[in-house]
Amino acid sequence: MVYGHRTDRWADAEFARRFGGAAASRRPELYGRAAVVDAWKSWLRFLLAYAISVGLIFGLVMLIGTLDEGAPLLVWLNPLTKVLVYSLIWPIATTIWPGKAPKTAKENR
């Protein structure tokens, strides 16, 4: 749900490049404010995926019956939450150190 459209677009472009002779897609150069915005958008996408996963886990627990019977499923909340918190390091670091624009050929001389 969260990564579907983005992954489909990427896979279609790669397939067209490899088997259809299409030109390689140019990756955007992310630095400065664009890098910060992209890092936070990526983390918010991950947060949405986390929320869907937690909702599905609790839905399965309720389907089973009680919290005691669904305890083995609830064990998955710990690693999911750890990954969510650890993945927050990247957007915070990018916000603090967003990176600089690459030097052009004229600046290198």
C-alpha atoms as a PDB file:
ATOM      1  CA  MET A   1       0.000   0.000   0.000  1.00  0.00           C
ATOM      2  CA  VAL A   2       2.559   2.543   1.069  1.00  0.00           C
ATOM      3  CA  TYR A   3       5.382   1.603  -1.277  1.00  0.00           C
ATOM      4  CA  GLY A   4       3.313   0.105  -4.110  1.00  0.00           C
ATOM      5  CA  HIS A   5       3.092   2.954  -6.617  1.00  0.00           C
ATOM      6  CA  ARG A   6       6.670   4.050  -6.117  1.00  0.00           C
ATOM      7  CA  THR A   7       7.983   0.511  -6.485  1.00  0.00           C
ATOM      8  CA  ASP A   8       5.851  -0.106  -9.581  1.00  0.00           C
ATOM      9  CA  ARG A   9       7.166   3.057 -11.266  1.00  0.00           C
ATOM     10  CA  TRP A  10      10.746   2.072 -10.466  1.00  0.00           C
ATOM     11  CA  ALA A  11      10.265  -1.519 -11.696  1.00  0.00           C
ATOM     12  CA  ASP A  12       8.585  -0.370 -14.924  1.00  0.00           C
ATOM     13  CA  ALA A  13      11.426   2.051 -15.660  1.00  0.00           C
ATOM     14  CA  GLU A  14      14.077  -0.593 -14.957  1.00  0.00           C
ATOM     15  CA  PHE A  15      12.290  -3.170 -17.129  1.00  0.00           C
ATOM     16  CA  ALA A  16      11.992  -0.670 -19.975  1.00  0.00           C
ATOM     17  CA  ARG A  17      15.669   0.171 -19.641  1.00  0.00           C
ATOM     18  CA  ARG A  18      16.829  -3.408 -19.568  1.00  0.00           C
ATOM     19  CA  PHE A  19      14.548  -5.036 -22.110  1.00  0.00           C
ATOM     20  CA  GLY A  20      13.062  -2.153 -24.101  1.00  0.00           C
ATOM     21  CA  GLY A  21      16.167  -0.150 -24.788  1.00  0.00           C
ATOM     22  CA  ALA A  22      14.904   2.907 -22.923  1.00  0.00           C
ATOM     23  CA  ALA A  23      17.385   5.412 -21.626  1.00  0.00           C
ATOM     24  CA  ALA A  24      18.497   5.057 -18.033  1.00  0.00           C
ATOM     25  CA  SER A  25      16.458   7.199 -15.718  1.00  0.00           C
ATOM     26  CA  ARG A  26      18.382  10.037 -14.162  1.00  0.00           C
ATOM     27  CA  ARG A  27      18.446  10.018 -10.392  1.00  0.00           C
ATOM     28  CA  PRO A  28      17.782  13.380  -8.823  1.00  0.00           C
ATOM     29  CA  GLU A  29      20.696  14.934  -7.040  1.00  0.00           C
ATOM     30  CA  LEU A  30      19.504  15.490  -3.526  1.00  0.00           C
ATOM     31  CA  TYR A  31      21.310  18.040  -1.443  1.00  0.00           C
ATOM     32  CA  GLY A  32      20.319  20.898   0.784  1.00  0.00           C
ATOM     33  CA  ARG A  33      16.607  21.368   1.402  1.00  0.00           C
ATOM     34  CA  ALA A  34      15.610  18.759  -1.208  1.00  0.00           C
ATOM     35  CA  ALA A  35      17.599  16.085   0.662  1.00  0.00           C
ATOM     36  CA  VAL A  36      15.948  17.005   3.965  1.00  0.00           C
ATOM     37  CA  VAL A  37      12.446  16.919   2.469  1.00  0.00           C
ATOM     38  CA  ASP A  38      13.133  13.575   0.769  1.00  0.00           C
ATOM     39  CA  ALA A  39      14.488  12.023   3.985  1.00  0.00           C
ATOM     40  CA  TRP A  40      11.437  13.091   6.007  1.00  0.00           C
ATOM     41  CA  LYS A  41       9.000  11.974   3.285  1.00  0.00           C
ATOM     42  CA  SER A  42      10.708   8.590   3.252  1.00  0.00           C
ATOM     43  CA  TRP A  43      10.455   8.281   7.035  1.00  0.00           C
ATOM     44  CA  LEU A  44       6.783   9.315   7.017  1.00  0.00           C
ATOM     45  CA  ARG A  45       6.137   6.639   4.388  1.00  0.00           C
ATOM     46  CA  PHE A  46       7.800   4.164   6.728  1.00  0.00           C
ATOM     47  CA  LEU A  47       5.699   5.450   9.639  1.00  0.00           C
ATOM     48  CA  LEU A  48       2.536   4.809   7.627  1.00  0.00           C
ATOM     49  CA  ALA A  49       3.715   1.278   6.812  1.00  0.00           C
ATOM     50  CA  TYR A  50       4.425   0.760  10.528  1.00  0.00           C
ATOM     51  CA  ALA A  51       0.922   1.959  11.472  1.00  0.00           C
ATOM     52  CA  ILE A  52      -0.663  -0.416   8.949  1.00  0.00           C
ATOM     53  CA  SER A  53       1.432  -3.311  10.289  1.00  0.00           C
ATOM     54  CA  VAL A  54       0.506  -2.569  13.895  1.00  0.00           C
ATOM     55  CA  GLY A  55      -3.159  -2.296  12.924  1.00  0.00           C
ATOM     56  CA  LEU A  56      -3.014  -5.658  11.174  1.00  0.00           C
ATOM     57  CA  ILE A  57      -1.310  -7.288  14.160  1.00  0.00           C
ATOM     58  CA  PHE A  58      -3.947  -5.977  16.571  1.00  0.00           C
ATOM     59  CA  GLY A  59      -6.675  -7.000  14.130  1.00  0.00           C
ATOM     60  CA  LEU A  60      -5.314 -10.550  14.114  1.00  0.00           C
ATOM     61  CA  VAL A  61      -5.108 -10.570  17.917  1.00  0.00           C
ATOM     62  CA  MET A  62      -8.749  -9.517  18.143  1.00  0.00           C
ATOM     63  CA  LEU A  63      -9.645 -12.188  15.574  1.00  0.00           C
ATOM     64  CA  ILE A  64      -7.957 -14.801  17.749  1.00  0.00           C
ATOM     65  CA  GLY A  65      -9.862 -13.707  20.822  1.00  0.00           C
ATOM     66  CA  THR A  66      -8.008 -12.335  23.799  1.00  0.00           C
ATOM     67  CA  LEU A  67      -4.677 -10.633  24.363  1.00  0.00           C
ATOM     68  CA  ASP A  68      -3.379 -13.706  26.180  1.00  0.00           C
ATOM     69  CA  GLU A  69      -4.043 -15.921  23.182  1.00  0.00           C
ATOM     70  CA  GLY A  70      -2.600 -13.351  20.788  1.00  0.00           C
ATOM     71  CA  ALA A  71       0.578 -12.732  22.797  1.00  0.00           C
ATOM     72  CA  PRO A  72       2.831 -14.509  20.260  1.00  0.00           C
ATOM     73  CA  LEU A  73       1.730 -11.991  17.634  1.00  0.00           C
ATOM     74  CA  LEU A  74       2.308  -9.029  19.927  1.00  0.00           C
ATOM     75  CA  VAL A  75       5.967 -10.017  20.235  1.00  0.00           C
ATOM     76  CA  TRP A  76       6.433  -8.566  16.728  1.00  0.00           C
ATOM     77  CA  LEU A  77       5.660  -5.056  17.983  1.00  0.00           C
ATOM     78  CA  ASN A  78       9.056  -4.810  19.693  1.00  0.00           C
ATOM     79  CA  PRO A  79      11.274  -5.243  16.603  1.00  0.00           C
ATOM     80  CA  LEU A  80       8.898  -3.201  14.445  1.00  0.00           C
ATOM     81  CA  THR A  81       9.070  -0.297  16.874  1.00  0.00           C
ATOM     82  CA  LYS A  82      12.861  -0.555  17.163  1.00  0.00           C
ATOM     83  CA  VAL A  83      13.249  -0.351  13.395  1.00  0.00           C
ATOM     84  CA  LEU A  84      10.919   2.659  13.292  1.00  0.00           C
ATOM     85  CA  VAL A  85      12.906   4.480  15.952  1.00  0.00           C
ATOM     86  CA  TYR A  86      16.304   3.563  14.452  1.00  0.00           C
ATOM     87  CA  SER A  87      15.187   4.694  11.005  1.00  0.00           C
ATOM     88  CA  LEU A  88      14.534   8.131  12.479  1.00  0.00           C
ATOM     89  CA  ILE A  89      18.308   8.655  12.697  1.00  0.00           C
ATOM     90  CA  TRP A  90      18.633   9.271   8.951  1.00  0.00           C
ATOM     91  CA  PRO A  91      16.161  12.176   8.582  1.00  0.00           C
ATOM     92  CA  ILE A  92      17.476  13.800  11.753  1.00  0.00           C
ATOM     93  CA  ALA A  93      21.081  13.517  10.531  1.00  0.00           C
ATOM     94  CA  THR A  94      20.079  14.824   7.102  1.00  0.00           C
ATOM     95  CA  THR A  95      18.331  17.775   8.734  1.00  0.00           C
ATOM     96  CA  ILE A  96      21.429  18.638  10.738  1.00  0.00           C
ATOM     97  CA  TRP A  97      23.924  17.977   7.906  1.00  0.00           C
ATOM     98  CA  PRO A  98      21.960  18.289   4.630  1.00  0.00           C
ATOM     99  CA  GLY A  99      24.964  18.057   2.336  1.00  0.00           C
ATOM    100  CA  LYS A 100      26.226  20.563  -0.182  1.00  0.00           C
ATOM    101  CA  ALA A 101      25.722  20.896  -3.895  1.00  0.00           C
ATOM    102  CA  PRO A 102      28.410  19.122  -5.932  1.00  0.00           C
ATOM    103  CA  LYS A 103      31.047  21.346  -7.433  1.00  0.00           C
ATOM    104  CA  THR A 104      30.807  21.983 -11.149  1.00  0.00           C
ATOM    105  CA  ALA A 105      33.681  21.417 -13.555  1.00  0.00           C
ATOM    106  CA  LYS A 106      34.429  25.157 -13.622  1.00  0.00           C
ATOM    107  CA  GLU A 107      34.717  25.309  -9.823  1.00  0.00           C
ATOM    108  CA  ASN A 108      37.174  22.387  -9.770  1.00  0.00           C
ATOM    109  CA  ARG A 109      39.717  24.258 -11.955  1.00  0.00           C
END
